[in-house]
Amino acid sequence: MPTNLFKKFEELIRKEAYGDAALFIQQQLQHKPDNADLIGLRAVARFHQKDINCIADLDYAILLEPNNGYRYSSRAYIMDILGDTESAIKDYETAIVLDPQDHISLNNLGMLEEKLGRKQNAAKRFNKVDELLGIEKKHVPAFPPKIIGEEAKVITIKQVIKEVLTTKSGWLNFKDFLKSKWKMAFSKG
């Protein structure tokens, strides 16, 4: 797909002009009716319009390119949002078989497994993602080090509580921490 066409589509989506985006892609499909990229973009526009036909588009894109892992991961993402987590897991698993280096699908699969309480499977997926990305596992103390100058020292929970209850700076830091968590909790909803 030419970059300028994708940029136009992306601009329409960013403006939340989903109907215009779907129409724009439909016009492109008149010239290339079996283009899986265009069909996938139409699915995105339809999804934003809450049009269930987005799944039919994703199914068709997979039919056109059955060996393209991205097609499965796209459908998996939407299937999970629509509430079919088990089907989403199967699609992510297929995507990973087709592209074992796809760290995004691996991570998303891990998140779905974690969501369903499959903690060990999720941990394996996350470890594989770290391995693919070259992220080294380091020992992380139960309580992060407190930075003093250029030194770092590990402090115990008892020391943290004592600092919060007995020093003004400890109390103010604790209040700031609670405020940030409070804001994060309400900004998600």
C-alpha atoms as a PDB file:
ATOM      1  CA  MET A   1       0.000   0.000   0.000  1.00  0.00           C
ATOM      2  CA  PRO A   2       1.473   3.365  -0.964  1.00  0.00           C
ATOM      3  CA  THR A   3       2.547   5.475   2.006  1.00  0.00           C
ATOM      4  CA  ASN A   4       0.425   8.471   0.996  1.00  0.00           C
ATOM      5  CA  LEU A   5      -2.762   6.353   1.034  1.00  0.00           C
ATOM      6  CA  PHE A   6      -1.959   4.973   4.460  1.00  0.00           C
ATOM      7  CA  LYS A   7      -1.194   8.472   5.776  1.00  0.00           C
ATOM      8  CA  LYS A   8      -4.574   9.721   4.544  1.00  0.00           C
ATOM      9  CA  PHE A   9      -6.326   6.795   6.232  1.00  0.00           C
ATOM     10  CA  GLU A  10      -4.343   7.334   9.434  1.00  0.00           C
ATOM     11  CA  GLU A  11      -5.258  11.038   9.418  1.00  0.00           C
ATOM     12  CA  LEU A  12      -8.975  10.230   9.101  1.00  0.00           C
ATOM     13  CA  ILE A  13      -8.763   7.722  11.967  1.00  0.00           C
ATOM     14  CA  ARG A  14      -6.888  10.230  14.133  1.00  0.00           C
ATOM     15  CA  LYS A  15      -9.683  12.760  13.475  1.00  0.00           C
ATOM     16  CA  GLU A  16     -12.195  10.040  14.422  1.00  0.00           C
ATOM     17  CA  ALA A  17     -13.752  10.344  10.954  1.00  0.00           C
ATOM     18  CA  TYR A  18     -14.327   6.594  10.851  1.00  0.00           C
ATOM     19  CA  GLY A  19     -17.074   6.679   8.227  1.00  0.00           C
ATOM     20  CA  ASP A  20     -14.875   8.759   5.925  1.00  0.00           C
ATOM     21  CA  ALA A  21     -11.976   6.376   6.562  1.00  0.00           C
ATOM     22  CA  ALA A  22     -14.133   3.355   5.657  1.00  0.00           C
ATOM     23  CA  LEU A  23     -15.390   5.115   2.519  1.00  0.00           C
ATOM     24  CA  PHE A  24     -11.830   6.077   1.523  1.00  0.00           C
ATOM     25  CA  ILE A  25     -10.669   2.469   1.846  1.00  0.00           C
ATOM     26  CA  GLN A  26     -13.761   1.182   0.040  1.00  0.00           C
ATOM     27  CA  GLN A  27     -12.840   3.437  -2.902  1.00  0.00           C
ATOM     28  CA  GLN A  28      -9.328   1.962  -2.915  1.00  0.00           C
ATOM     29  CA  LEU A  29     -10.767  -1.549  -2.812  1.00  0.00           C
ATOM     30  CA  GLN A  30     -12.628  -0.907  -6.087  1.00  0.00           C
ATOM     31  CA  HIS A  31      -9.207  -0.959  -7.789  1.00  0.00           C
ATOM     32  CA  LYS A  32      -7.751  -3.782  -5.676  1.00  0.00           C
ATOM     33  CA  PRO A  33     -10.637  -5.856  -4.265  1.00  0.00           C
ATOM     34  CA  ASP A  34      -8.410  -8.645  -2.938  1.00  0.00           C
ATOM     35  CA  ASN A  35      -5.785  -6.513  -1.210  1.00  0.00           C
ATOM     36  CA  ALA A  36      -5.458  -7.876   2.343  1.00  0.00           C
ATOM     37  CA  ASP A  37      -3.886  -4.642   3.633  1.00  0.00           C
ATOM     38  CA  LEU A  38      -6.837  -2.582   2.433  1.00  0.00           C
ATOM     39  CA  ILE A  39      -9.319  -5.098   3.799  1.00  0.00           C
ATOM     40  CA  GLY A  40      -7.519  -4.985   7.153  1.00  0.00           C
ATOM     41  CA  LEU A  41      -7.744  -1.175   7.192  1.00  0.00           C
ATOM     42  CA  ARG A  42     -11.441  -1.332   6.386  1.00  0.00           C
ATOM     43  CA  ALA A  43     -11.801  -3.678   9.362  1.00  0.00           C
ATOM     44  CA  VAL A  44     -10.142  -1.051  11.574  1.00  0.00           C
ATOM     45  CA  ALA A  45     -12.534   1.661  10.367  1.00  0.00           C
ATOM     46  CA  ARG A  46     -15.532  -0.642  10.800  1.00  0.00           C
ATOM     47  CA  PHE A  47     -14.383  -1.649  14.261  1.00  0.00           C
ATOM     48  CA  HIS A  48     -14.287   2.006  15.312  1.00  0.00           C
ATOM     49  CA  GLN A  49     -17.813   2.367  13.951  1.00  0.00           C
ATOM     50  CA  LYS A  50     -18.856  -0.626  16.099  1.00  0.00           C
ATOM     51  CA  ASP A  51     -19.650  -2.547  12.909  1.00  0.00           C
ATOM     52  CA  ILE A  52     -19.451  -6.302  13.517  1.00  0.00           C
ATOM     53  CA  ASN A  53     -18.551  -6.764   9.823  1.00  0.00           C
ATOM     54  CA  CYS A  54     -15.016  -5.906  10.863  1.00  0.00           C
ATOM     55  CA  ILE A  55     -14.636  -9.587  11.814  1.00  0.00           C
ATOM     56  CA  ALA A  56     -15.721 -10.690   8.322  1.00  0.00           C
ATOM     57  CA  ASP A  57     -13.060  -8.380   6.873  1.00  0.00           C
ATOM     58  CA  LEU A  58     -10.414  -9.876   9.148  1.00  0.00           C
ATOM     59  CA  ASP A  59     -11.545 -13.396   8.231  1.00  0.00           C
ATOM     60  CA  TYR A  60     -11.238 -12.507   4.544  1.00  0.00           C
ATOM     61  CA  ALA A  61      -7.773 -10.980   5.016  1.00  0.00           C
ATOM     62  CA  ILE A  62      -6.694 -14.262   6.650  1.00  0.00           C
ATOM     63  CA  LEU A  63      -8.214 -16.235   3.772  1.00  0.00           C
ATOM     64  CA  LEU A  64      -6.159 -14.117   1.347  1.00  0.00           C
ATOM     65  CA  GLU A  65      -2.950 -14.390   3.386  1.00  0.00           C
ATOM     66  CA  PRO A  66      -3.183 -17.489   5.586  1.00  0.00           C
ATOM     67  CA  ASN A  67       0.567 -17.477   6.289  1.00  0.00           C
ATOM     68  CA  ASN A  68       0.713 -13.882   7.514  1.00  0.00           C
ATOM     69  CA  GLY A  69       0.850 -13.838  11.308  1.00  0.00           C
ATOM     70  CA  TYR A  70      -0.153 -10.185  11.436  1.00  0.00           C
ATOM     71  CA  ARG A  71      -3.578 -11.076  10.028  1.00  0.00           C
ATOM     72  CA  TYR A  72      -4.198 -13.440  12.957  1.00  0.00           C
ATOM     73  CA  SER A  73      -2.895 -11.018  15.570  1.00  0.00           C
ATOM     74  CA  SER A  74      -5.150  -8.268  14.187  1.00  0.00           C
ATOM     75  CA  ARG A  75      -8.187 -10.488  14.505  1.00  0.00           C
ATOM     76  CA  ALA A  76      -7.057 -11.663  17.958  1.00  0.00           C
ATOM     77  CA  TYR A  77      -6.863  -8.097  19.222  1.00  0.00           C
ATOM     78  CA  ILE A  78     -10.425  -7.330  18.137  1.00  0.00           C
ATOM     79  CA  MET A  79     -11.815 -10.707  19.232  1.00  0.00           C
ATOM     80  CA  ASP A  80     -10.578 -10.062  22.760  1.00  0.00           C
ATOM     81  CA  ILE A  81     -12.132  -6.599  22.836  1.00  0.00           C
ATOM     82  CA  LEU A  82     -15.398  -8.134  21.665  1.00  0.00           C
ATOM     83  CA  GLY A  83     -15.225 -10.578  24.580  1.00  0.00           C
ATOM     84  CA  ASP A  84     -14.029 -13.765  22.868  1.00  0.00           C
ATOM     85  CA  THR A  85     -10.725 -14.174  24.691  1.00  0.00           C
ATOM     86  CA  GLU A  86     -10.384 -17.905  23.930  1.00  0.00           C
ATOM     87  CA  SER A  87     -10.575 -17.264  20.164  1.00  0.00           C
ATOM     88  CA  ALA A  88      -8.135 -14.404  20.574  1.00  0.00           C
ATOM     89  CA  ILE A  89      -5.688 -16.736  22.310  1.00  0.00           C
ATOM     90  CA  LYS A  90      -5.944 -19.260  19.448  1.00  0.00           C
ATOM     91  CA  ASP A  91      -5.276 -16.511  16.889  1.00  0.00           C
ATOM     92  CA  TYR A  92      -2.262 -15.191  18.823  1.00  0.00           C
ATOM     93  CA  GLU A  93      -0.921 -18.754  19.057  1.00  0.00           C
ATOM     94  CA  THR A  94      -1.271 -19.105  15.270  1.00  0.00           C
ATOM     95  CA  ALA A  95       0.408 -15.746  14.731  1.00  0.00           C
ATOM     96  CA  ILE A  96       3.357 -16.889  16.856  1.00  0.00           C
ATOM     97  CA  VAL A  97       3.667 -20.197  14.996  1.00  0.00           C
ATOM     98  CA  LEU A  98       3.837 -18.217  11.750  1.00  0.00           C
ATOM     99  CA  ASP A  99       6.249 -15.647  13.180  1.00  0.00           C
ATOM    100  CA  PRO A 100       8.065 -16.889  16.293  1.00  0.00           C
ATOM    101  CA  GLN A 101       9.906 -13.541  16.560  1.00  0.00           C
ATOM    102  CA  ASP A 102       6.652 -11.560  16.911  1.00  0.00           C
ATOM    103  CA  HIS A 103       7.209 -10.193  20.394  1.00  0.00           C
ATOM    104  CA  ILE A 104       4.024  -8.104  20.293  1.00  0.00           C
ATOM    105  CA  SER A 105       1.807 -11.150  19.736  1.00  0.00           C
ATOM    106  CA  LEU A 106       3.748 -13.036  22.412  1.00  0.00           C
ATOM    107  CA  ASN A 107       3.245 -10.210  24.884  1.00  0.00           C
ATOM    108  CA  ASN A 108      -0.454  -9.854  24.052  1.00  0.00           C
ATOM    109  CA  LEU A 109      -0.913 -13.616  24.394  1.00  0.00           C
ATOM    110  CA  GLY A 110       0.783 -13.459  27.791  1.00  0.00           C
ATOM    111  CA  MET A 111      -1.566 -10.688  28.888  1.00  0.00           C
ATOM    112  CA  LEU A 112      -4.625 -12.708  27.851  1.00  0.00           C
ATOM    113  CA  GLU A 113      -3.341 -15.800  29.633  1.00  0.00           C
ATOM    114  CA  GLU A 114      -2.691 -13.714  32.726  1.00  0.00           C
ATOM    115  CA  LYS A 115      -6.200 -12.290  32.459  1.00  0.00           C
ATOM    116  CA  LEU A 116      -7.579 -15.846  32.519  1.00  0.00           C
ATOM    117  CA  GLY A 117      -5.426 -16.800  35.513  1.00  0.00           C
ATOM    118  CA  ARG A 118      -2.898 -18.839  33.561  1.00  0.00           C
ATOM    119  CA  LYS A 119       0.021 -17.213  35.367  1.00  0.00           C
ATOM    120  CA  GLN A 120       2.700 -19.799  34.494  1.00  0.00           C
ATOM    121  CA  ASN A 121       1.929 -19.668  30.768  1.00  0.00           C
ATOM    122  CA  ALA A 122       1.880 -15.874  30.903  1.00  0.00           C
ATOM    123  CA  ALA A 123       5.249 -15.783  32.673  1.00  0.00           C
ATOM    124  CA  LYS A 124       6.749 -18.023  29.972  1.00  0.00           C
ATOM    125  CA  ARG A 125       5.448 -15.683  27.263  1.00  0.00           C
ATOM    126  CA  PHE A 126       6.809 -12.600  29.032  1.00  0.00           C
ATOM    127  CA  ASN A 127      10.203 -14.256  29.529  1.00  0.00           C
ATOM    128  CA  LYS A 128      10.315 -15.120  25.815  1.00  0.00           C
ATOM    129  CA  VAL A 129       9.474 -11.490  24.947  1.00  0.00           C
ATOM    130  CA  ASP A 130      12.325 -10.302  27.162  1.00  0.00           C
ATOM    131  CA  GLU A 131      14.640 -12.814  25.480  1.00  0.00           C
ATOM    132  CA  LEU A 132      13.609 -11.667  21.987  1.00  0.00           C
ATOM    133  CA  LEU A 133      14.134  -8.029  22.935  1.00  0.00           C
ATOM    134  CA  GLY A 134      17.450  -8.742  24.639  1.00  0.00           C
ATOM    135  CA  ILE A 135      16.238  -7.611  28.047  1.00  0.00           C
ATOM    136  CA  GLU A 136      18.401  -9.067  30.786  1.00  0.00           C
ATOM    137  CA  LYS A 137      16.786 -10.232  33.991  1.00  0.00           C
ATOM    138  CA  LYS A 138      18.348  -8.586  37.000  1.00  0.00           C
ATOM    139  CA  HIS A 139      17.647  -9.222  40.622  1.00  0.00           C
ATOM    140  CA  VAL A 140      15.251  -6.552  41.811  1.00  0.00           C
ATOM    141  CA  PRO A 141      15.043  -6.027  45.565  1.00  0.00           C
ATOM    142  CA  ALA A 142      11.636  -6.213  47.215  1.00  0.00           C
ATOM    143  CA  PHE A 143      11.872  -2.485  47.834  1.00  0.00           C
ATOM    144  CA  PRO A 144      13.658  -0.371  45.267  1.00  0.00           C
ATOM    145  CA  PRO A 145      16.893   1.287  46.303  1.00  0.00           C
ATOM    146  CA  LYS A 146      16.692   4.747  47.786  1.00  0.00           C
ATOM    147  CA  ILE A 147      19.076   7.029  45.938  1.00  0.00           C
ATOM    148  CA  ILE A 148      21.279   9.167  48.176  1.00  0.00           C
ATOM    149  CA  GLY A 149      23.757  11.189  46.162  1.00  0.00           C
ATOM    150  CA  GLU A 150      25.273   8.667  43.807  1.00  0.00           C
ATOM    151  CA  GLU A 151      24.838   5.766  46.205  1.00  0.00           C
ATOM    152  CA  ALA A 152      21.928   3.381  46.194  1.00  0.00           C
ATOM    153  CA  LYS A 153      20.915   1.462  49.271  1.00  0.00           C
ATOM    154  CA  VAL A 154      18.139  -1.029  49.816  1.00  0.00           C
ATOM    155  CA  ILE A 155      15.727  -0.066  52.570  1.00  0.00           C
ATOM    156  CA  THR A 156      13.308  -2.318  54.396  1.00  0.00           C
ATOM    157  CA  ILE A 157       9.552  -1.841  54.686  1.00  0.00           C
ATOM    158  CA  LYS A 158      10.074  -1.026  58.345  1.00  0.00           C
ATOM    159  CA  GLN A 159      12.429   1.808  57.375  1.00  0.00           C
ATOM    160  CA  VAL A 160       9.935   3.118  54.804  1.00  0.00           C
ATOM    161  CA  ILE A 161       7.100   3.173  57.339  1.00  0.00           C
ATOM    162  CA  LYS A 162       9.325   4.837  59.925  1.00  0.00           C
ATOM    163  CA  GLU A 163      10.346   7.527  57.421  1.00  0.00           C
ATOM    164  CA  VAL A 164       6.731   8.183  56.379  1.00  0.00           C
ATOM    165  CA  LEU A 165       5.558   8.466  59.989  1.00  0.00           C
ATOM    166  CA  THR A 166       8.474  10.384  61.474  1.00  0.00           C
ATOM    167  CA  THR A 167       9.751  12.802  58.815  1.00  0.00           C
ATOM    168  CA  LYS A 168       8.045  15.605  56.964  1.00  0.00           C
ATOM    169  CA  SER A 169       9.768  14.727  53.673  1.00  0.00           C
ATOM    170  CA  GLY A 170       8.758  11.073  54.063  1.00  0.00           C
ATOM    171  CA  TRP A 171       5.140  12.044  54.667  1.00  0.00           C
ATOM    172  CA  LEU A 172       5.096  14.491  51.714  1.00  0.00           C
ATOM    173  CA  ASN A 173       6.624  11.876  49.399  1.00  0.00           C
ATOM    174  CA  PHE A 174       4.016   9.356  50.539  1.00  0.00           C
ATOM    175  CA  LYS A 175       1.182  11.854  49.904  1.00  0.00           C
ATOM    176  CA  ASP A 176       2.538  12.599  46.415  1.00  0.00           C
ATOM    177  CA  PHE A 177       2.736   8.869  45.723  1.00  0.00           C
ATOM    178  CA  LEU A 178      -0.893   8.362  46.798  1.00  0.00           C
ATOM    179  CA  LYS A 179      -2.062  11.337  44.708  1.00  0.00           C
ATOM    180  CA  SER A 180      -0.345   9.967  41.595  1.00  0.00           C
ATOM    181  CA  LYS A 181      -1.906   6.528  42.088  1.00  0.00           C
ATOM    182  CA  TRP A 182      -5.320   8.113  42.705  1.00  0.00           C
ATOM    183  CA  LYS A 183      -5.031  10.128  39.455  1.00  0.00           C
ATOM    184  CA  MET A 184      -3.922   7.050  37.507  1.00  0.00           C
ATOM    185  CA  ALA A 185      -6.820   5.013  38.854  1.00  0.00           C
ATOM    186  CA  PHE A 186      -9.380   7.577  37.727  1.00  0.00           C
ATOM    187  CA  SER A 187      -7.726   8.463  34.427  1.00  0.00           C
ATOM    188  CA  LYS A 188      -8.114   4.855  33.209  1.00  0.00           C
ATOM    189  CA  GLY A 189     -11.871   4.757  33.639  1.00  0.00           C
END
